[in-house]
Amino acid sequence: MCDLPLLRELLDGGGDINEEHGGLTLLHHAIDVEIDSHTQTGEPLHVDVTAYLLARGADPKRPSNGGCGVTAEHMAFVDGHWLATALFERWDIRRENS
């Protein structure tokens, strides 16, 4: 999840942006990895994988099938990923206005 060039290669090769692994979508996993990385290392919170997945068409309002139906948007909000929450809010406004 931290290898953006590999992620791009997989998606360009036909990978499904909404595919689930372990009950979570790529976007759910991105939120989890970004928060864990920040928590474990003390480095600043980042949002690059989440932003890339949004740009590729991931839907933060799509509930996971195996993850108790939680959306990535909700997961980010509850877990305090304020950068992803801000991105999702802006994504939602743009979607409503189009």
Protein backbone atom coordinates (compact mmCIF):
# COMPACT_ATOMS: atom_id res chain seq x y z
CA MET A 1 0.00 0.00 0.00
CA CYS A 2 2.91 2.39 0.32
CA ASP A 3 4.30 1.66 -3.15
CA LEU A 4 2.44 4.12 -5.38
CA PRO A 5 4.22 3.10 -8.62
CA LEU A 6 3.27 -0.54 -8.02
CA LEU A 7 -0.30 0.44 -7.16
CA ARG A 8 -0.51 2.44 -10.40
CA GLU A 9 0.87 -0.52 -12.35
CA LEU A 10 -1.69 -2.89 -10.83
CA LEU A 11 -4.60 -0.54 -11.53
CA ASP A 12 -3.36 0.22 -15.05
CA GLY A 13 -3.19 -3.54 -15.59
CA GLY A 14 -6.89 -3.89 -14.85
CA GLY A 15 -6.96 -4.19 -11.08
CA ASP A 16 -10.37 -3.43 -9.58
CA ILE A 17 -10.32 -0.22 -7.53
CA ASN A 18 -13.14 -1.61 -5.35
CA GLU A 19 -11.79 -5.13 -4.89
CA GLU A 20 -11.85 -6.27 -1.30
CA HIS A 21 -9.16 -8.13 0.61
CA GLY A 22 -9.86 -9.20 4.14
CA GLY A 23 -13.23 -7.47 3.95
CA LEU A 24 -11.81 -4.05 3.09
CA THR A 25 -11.36 -2.13 -0.14
CA LEU A 26 -8.07 -0.59 -1.23
CA LEU A 27 -9.33 2.73 0.09
CA HIS A 28 -10.09 1.25 3.51
CA HIS A 29 -6.62 -0.31 3.58
CA ALA A 30 -5.04 3.01 2.58
CA ILE A 31 -6.72 4.77 5.50
CA ASP A 32 -5.58 2.03 7.87
CA VAL A 33 -1.97 2.03 6.62
CA GLU A 34 -1.69 5.82 6.68
CA ILE A 35 -2.97 5.99 10.25
CA ASP A 36 -0.82 3.05 11.42
CA SER A 37 2.28 4.52 9.80
CA HIS A 38 1.72 7.83 11.57
CA THR A 39 0.99 6.16 14.90
CA GLN A 40 3.90 3.72 14.80
CA THR A 41 6.61 6.04 13.50
CA GLY A 42 5.54 9.42 14.82
CA GLU A 43 6.04 10.80 11.30
CA PRO A 44 3.46 13.29 10.02
CA LEU A 45 0.18 11.87 8.83
CA HIS A 46 0.07 11.52 5.07
CA VAL A 47 -2.69 11.00 2.54
CA ASP A 48 -0.94 10.22 -0.75
CA VAL A 49 -2.31 6.72 -1.31
CA THR A 50 -5.82 7.81 -0.35
CA ALA A 51 -5.63 10.78 -2.73
CA TYR A 52 -4.36 8.59 -5.56
CA LEU A 53 -7.14 6.06 -5.06
CA LEU A 54 -9.73 8.85 -5.09
CA ALA A 55 -8.23 10.15 -8.33
CA ARG A 56 -8.55 6.65 -9.80
CA GLY A 57 -12.23 6.39 -8.92
CA ALA A 58 -12.43 4.89 -5.45
CA ASP A 59 -15.64 5.82 -3.65
CA PRO A 60 -15.21 6.79 0.02
CA LYS A 61 -18.94 6.28 0.58
CA ARG A 62 -18.89 2.66 -0.61
CA PRO A 63 -19.36 0.34 2.36
CA SER A 64 -17.17 -2.72 2.55
CA ASN A 65 -18.96 -6.03 2.21
CA GLY A 66 -16.85 -7.88 4.72
CA GLY A 67 -15.91 -5.05 7.05
CA CYS A 68 -19.27 -4.64 8.80
CA GLY A 69 -20.48 -2.25 6.08
CA VAL A 70 -18.27 0.64 7.20
CA THR A 71 -17.32 3.23 4.60
CA ALA A 72 -13.75 4.50 4.19
CA GLU A 73 -15.12 7.97 4.90
CA HIS A 74 -16.51 6.86 8.26
CA MET A 75 -13.35 4.92 9.08
CA ALA A 76 -11.18 8.00 8.43
CA PHE A 77 -13.42 10.22 10.55
CA VAL A 78 -13.67 7.84 13.51
CA ASP A 79 -9.94 7.04 13.48
CA GLY A 80 -8.93 10.70 13.27
CA HIS A 81 -7.45 10.76 9.77
CA TRP A 82 -8.22 14.45 9.33
CA LEU A 83 -6.39 14.74 6.00
CA ALA A 84 -8.48 11.98 4.42
CA THR A 85 -11.63 13.41 5.98
CA ALA A 86 -10.90 16.79 4.38
CA LEU A 87 -10.30 15.11 1.01
CA PHE A 88 -13.53 13.16 1.27
CA GLU A 89 -15.52 16.26 2.19
CA ARG A 90 -14.18 18.09 -0.86
CA TRP A 91 -14.77 15.02 -3.07
CA ASP A 92 -18.38 14.93 -1.87
CA ILE A 93 -18.95 18.64 -2.64
CA ARG A 94 -17.48 18.29 -6.13
CA ARG A 95 -19.60 15.19 -6.80
CA GLU A 96 -22.78 16.96 -5.72
CA ASN A 97 -22.02 19.95 -7.95
CA SER A 98 -21.37 17.92 -11.08
